[in-house]
Protein backbone atom coordinates (compact mmCIF):
# COMPACT_ATOMS: atom_id res chain seq x y z
CA MET A 1 -27.62 -54.86 30.14
CA LYS A 2 -23.80 -55.15 29.69
CA LYS A 3 -24.34 -55.73 25.97
CA GLN A 4 -26.60 -52.68 25.66
CA THR A 5 -23.90 -50.60 27.43
CA LEU A 6 -21.02 -51.81 25.07
CA LEU A 7 -23.18 -51.28 21.98
CA LEU A 8 -24.12 -47.51 23.17
CA LEU A 9 -20.74 -46.99 24.11
CA SER A 10 -19.31 -48.29 20.87
CA LEU A 11 -21.92 -46.25 18.87
CA ILE A 12 -20.87 -43.08 20.85
CA PHE A 13 -17.22 -43.55 20.17
CA SER A 14 -17.83 -44.42 16.60
CA GLY A 15 -19.85 -41.45 16.11
CA LEU A 16 -16.91 -39.48 17.56
CA ALA A 17 -14.76 -40.95 15.27
CA CYS A 18 -16.44 -39.78 12.40
CA MET A 19 -17.13 -36.14 13.31
CA PRO A 20 -14.85 -33.69 11.76
CA VAL A 21 -11.60 -32.36 13.62
CA PHE A 22 -11.30 -28.74 13.30
CA ALA A 23 -7.77 -27.73 13.81
CA ALA A 24 -6.73 -24.16 14.91
CA ASP A 25 -6.61 -21.85 11.64
CA LYS A 26 -2.90 -21.44 11.03
CA ASP A 27 -3.46 -18.26 9.49
CA SER A 28 -5.44 -16.74 12.37
CA THR A 29 -3.62 -13.71 12.66
CA PRO A 30 -5.40 -10.72 11.19
CA LYS A 31 -4.26 -9.88 7.68
CA ASN A 32 -3.17 -6.57 6.67
CA PRO A 33 -5.52 -4.25 4.80
CA THR A 34 -5.03 -4.14 1.08
CA ALA A 35 -6.01 -1.62 -1.27
CA ILE A 36 -6.39 -0.95 -5.19
CA ILE A 37 -5.31 1.85 -7.03
CA HIS A 38 -7.39 2.40 -9.96
CA THR A 39 -5.49 4.40 -12.54
CA THR A 40 -6.26 4.92 -16.51
CA LYS A 41 -3.48 2.33 -17.22
CA GLY A 42 -5.23 -0.27 -14.86
CA PRO A 43 -5.20 -1.40 -11.27
CA ILE A 44 -2.69 -1.60 -8.87
CA THR A 45 -3.03 -3.72 -5.65
CA ILE A 46 -1.05 -3.06 -2.41
CA GLU A 47 -0.69 -4.72 1.05
CA LEU A 48 -0.73 -1.97 3.42
CA TYR A 49 1.54 -2.73 6.56
CA ALA A 50 -0.57 -1.49 9.40
CA LYS A 51 1.54 -3.14 12.29
CA GLU A 52 4.85 -1.56 10.96
CA ALA A 53 3.61 1.81 10.00
CA PRO A 54 0.22 2.42 11.83
CA ILE A 55 0.15 6.33 11.45
CA THR A 56 1.12 6.33 7.74
CA VAL A 57 -1.60 3.43 6.80
CA ALA A 58 -4.28 5.19 8.75
CA ASN A 59 -3.47 8.59 6.82
CA PHE A 60 -3.45 6.75 3.66
CA ILE A 61 -6.94 5.03 4.22
CA ASP A 62 -8.45 8.27 5.56
CA TYR A 63 -7.62 10.13 2.24
CA ALA A 64 -8.81 7.21 0.14
CA GLU A 65 -12.02 6.91 1.92
CA SER A 66 -12.48 10.72 1.90
CA GLY A 67 -12.22 10.54 -1.93
CA PHE A 68 -9.06 12.84 -1.67
CA TYR A 69 -6.89 10.57 -4.25
CA ASN A 70 -9.85 10.54 -6.84
CA ASP A 71 -8.84 11.94 -10.27
CA THR A 72 -5.33 13.09 -8.99
CA ILE A 73 -2.37 12.29 -11.32
CA PHE A 74 1.18 10.67 -10.95
CA HIS A 75 2.68 13.81 -11.60
CA ARG A 76 6.37 12.90 -11.11
CA VAL A 77 7.55 9.78 -13.06
CA ILE A 78 11.48 9.16 -13.24
CA LYS A 79 12.72 5.82 -15.05
CA ARG A 80 14.58 3.28 -13.02
CA PHE A 81 13.51 5.18 -9.66
CA MET A 82 9.79 5.76 -9.00
CA ILE A 83 6.36 7.05 -9.78
CA GLN A 84 5.01 9.67 -7.45
CA GLY A 85 1.27 10.74 -7.10
CA GLY A 86 -1.59 11.60 -4.84
CA GLY A 87 -1.46 15.37 -4.67
CA PHE A 88 -1.94 17.10 -7.99
CA THR A 89 -4.86 17.44 -10.72
CA LYS A 90 -4.16 17.21 -14.02
CA GLU A 91 -3.68 20.98 -14.38
CA MET A 92 -0.81 20.52 -11.94
CA GLN A 93 -3.04 22.49 -9.34
CA ARG A 94 -1.68 21.17 -5.81
CA LYS A 95 -4.66 19.59 -3.65
CA ASN A 96 -5.16 21.02 -0.23
CA PRO A 97 -4.08 17.99 2.29
CA LYS A 98 -4.53 17.39 6.02
CA ALA A 99 -1.89 18.35 8.42
CA PRO A 100 1.65 16.39 8.08
CA ILE A 101 2.32 13.00 9.96
CA ALA A 102 5.10 11.85 11.89
CA ASN A 103 7.96 9.96 9.58
CA GLU A 104 7.88 6.22 10.62
CA SER A 105 10.69 5.59 8.45
CA GLY A 106 12.55 3.50 11.32
CA ASN A 107 9.86 0.82 11.07
CA GLY A 108 12.13 -1.67 9.68
CA LEU A 109 10.68 -1.72 6.14
CA HIS A 110 13.00 -0.84 3.15
CA ASN A 111 12.59 1.10 -0.09
CA ASP A 112 12.76 -1.95 -2.07
CA ARG A 113 11.47 -2.36 -5.68
CA TRP A 114 7.62 -2.52 -5.66
CA THR A 115 7.30 -0.91 -2.02
CA LEU A 116 5.09 2.50 -1.29
CA ALA A 117 6.70 5.31 0.49
CA MET A 118 5.50 8.71 1.69
CA ALA A 119 6.58 11.61 -0.40
CA ARG A 120 7.81 14.52 1.61
CA THR A 121 9.98 18.02 1.69
CA ASN A 122 13.37 18.03 3.50
CA ASP A 123 11.44 18.33 6.73
CA PRO A 124 11.16 14.38 8.09
CA ASP A 125 7.58 15.18 9.47
CA SER A 126 6.04 16.66 6.46
CA ALA A 127 4.36 13.97 4.77
CA THR A 128 0.84 14.52 3.86
CA SER A 129 -0.94 12.84 0.94
CA GLN A 130 1.65 12.16 -1.63
CA PHE A 131 3.24 8.75 -1.96
CA PHE A 132 5.42 7.09 -4.52
CA ILE A 133 6.17 3.56 -5.83
CA ASN A 134 9.65 2.54 -5.86
CA THR A 135 10.54 0.98 -9.35
CA LYS A 136 13.87 -0.20 -8.08
CA MET A 137 15.80 -0.97 -4.92
CA ASN A 138 16.30 2.62 -3.41
CA SER A 139 18.13 1.77 -0.19
CA SER A 140 19.58 5.62 -0.26
CA LEU A 141 15.97 6.58 0.91
CA ASP A 142 15.89 4.56 3.96
CA LYS A 143 16.82 5.93 7.40
CA LYS A 144 20.34 5.37 8.20
CA GLY A 145 21.32 6.15 11.93
CA LYS A 146 19.91 9.97 12.66
CA THR A 147 19.39 10.53 8.96
CA PRO A 148 15.68 10.09 8.49
CA GLY A 149 14.40 8.25 5.38
CA TYR A 150 11.12 7.89 3.54
CA ALA A 151 8.62 5.89 5.33
CA VAL A 152 7.57 2.58 3.62
CA PHE A 153 3.93 1.67 4.48
CA ALA A 154 2.95 -0.75 1.62
CA ILE A 155 4.10 -3.04 -1.15
CA VAL A 156 2.41 -3.87 -4.66
CA THR A 157 1.19 -7.41 -4.74
CA ASP A 158 -0.63 -7.17 -8.14
CA GLY A 159 -0.26 -4.84 -11.05
CA GLN A 160 3.31 -4.46 -11.24
CA TYR A 161 3.06 -4.40 -15.01
CA VAL A 162 0.81 -1.26 -14.51
CA VAL A 163 3.66 0.34 -12.59
CA LYS A 164 6.13 -0.56 -15.19
CA SER A 165 3.71 1.03 -17.88
CA ILE A 166 3.21 4.26 -16.10
CA GLU A 167 6.98 4.38 -15.36
CA LYS A 168 7.71 4.22 -19.20
CA THR A 169 5.33 7.32 -19.81
CA PRO A 170 7.02 10.08 -21.84
CA THR A 171 7.67 13.16 -19.12
CA MET A 172 8.21 16.59 -19.66
CA THR A 173 9.06 19.72 -17.70
CA LEU A 174 6.03 21.76 -16.89
CA GLY A 175 6.60 25.40 -15.09
CA SER A 176 8.59 24.65 -12.13
CA TYR A 177 7.66 20.86 -12.23
CA ALA A 178 10.08 18.21 -13.82
CA ASP A 179 9.30 14.73 -14.93
CA VAL A 180 5.59 15.22 -15.40
CA PRO A 181 4.03 12.79 -17.90
CA VAL A 182 3.01 14.21 -21.18
CA GLU A 183 -0.12 12.27 -21.17
CA PRO A 184 -1.53 12.41 -17.58
CA VAL A 185 -1.97 9.14 -15.64
CA TYR A 186 -5.02 9.37 -13.35
CA ILE A 187 -5.64 7.88 -10.24
CA GLU A 188 -9.40 7.10 -10.53
CA ARG A 189 -10.01 6.38 -6.97
CA VAL A 190 -8.38 4.16 -4.10
CA GLU A 191 -10.41 1.35 -2.86
CA ILE A 192 -9.54 0.16 0.52
CA ILE A 193 -10.34 -3.70 1.12
CA LYS A 194 -10.14 -4.55 4.80
């Protein structure tokens, strides 16, 4: 009986030793959502900073999922500064956006190269659908003290070459709009990947 018990215990423990050990997933924190901005020059993949800019990210996702960005253009392109889109058709007709959102420029993120921020007027809380991609470090656009900045909400993780290609597009003045690409660069659609 003693031998049988020892044999049984040794089988149990040896079986346990052979079982795989599952460590806690080191990367178990939820990842930020990503999006792909499909353009006529290629795809731009971005990571959305949902924790730091929840209002802005929700706004961007809502516009993307509603199809608002489909067939809009990058209507303002300034070399060594930024490319801006998300609000105009190729005829330079402004699309009808939703109500403006609160400015989240005090979220700790900076207008570094490859980041996306919300375009706005002089009113800090006037951002709607338009965004821009910084093509250089633009710290002058960051919040400083009581001076509001431009709310960063995402960063380009792939497709920087596409951004560079758009940035090199020749531009012109069209009516009251400066820095308009001569050859329109379309945002075909924005695909959200959660």
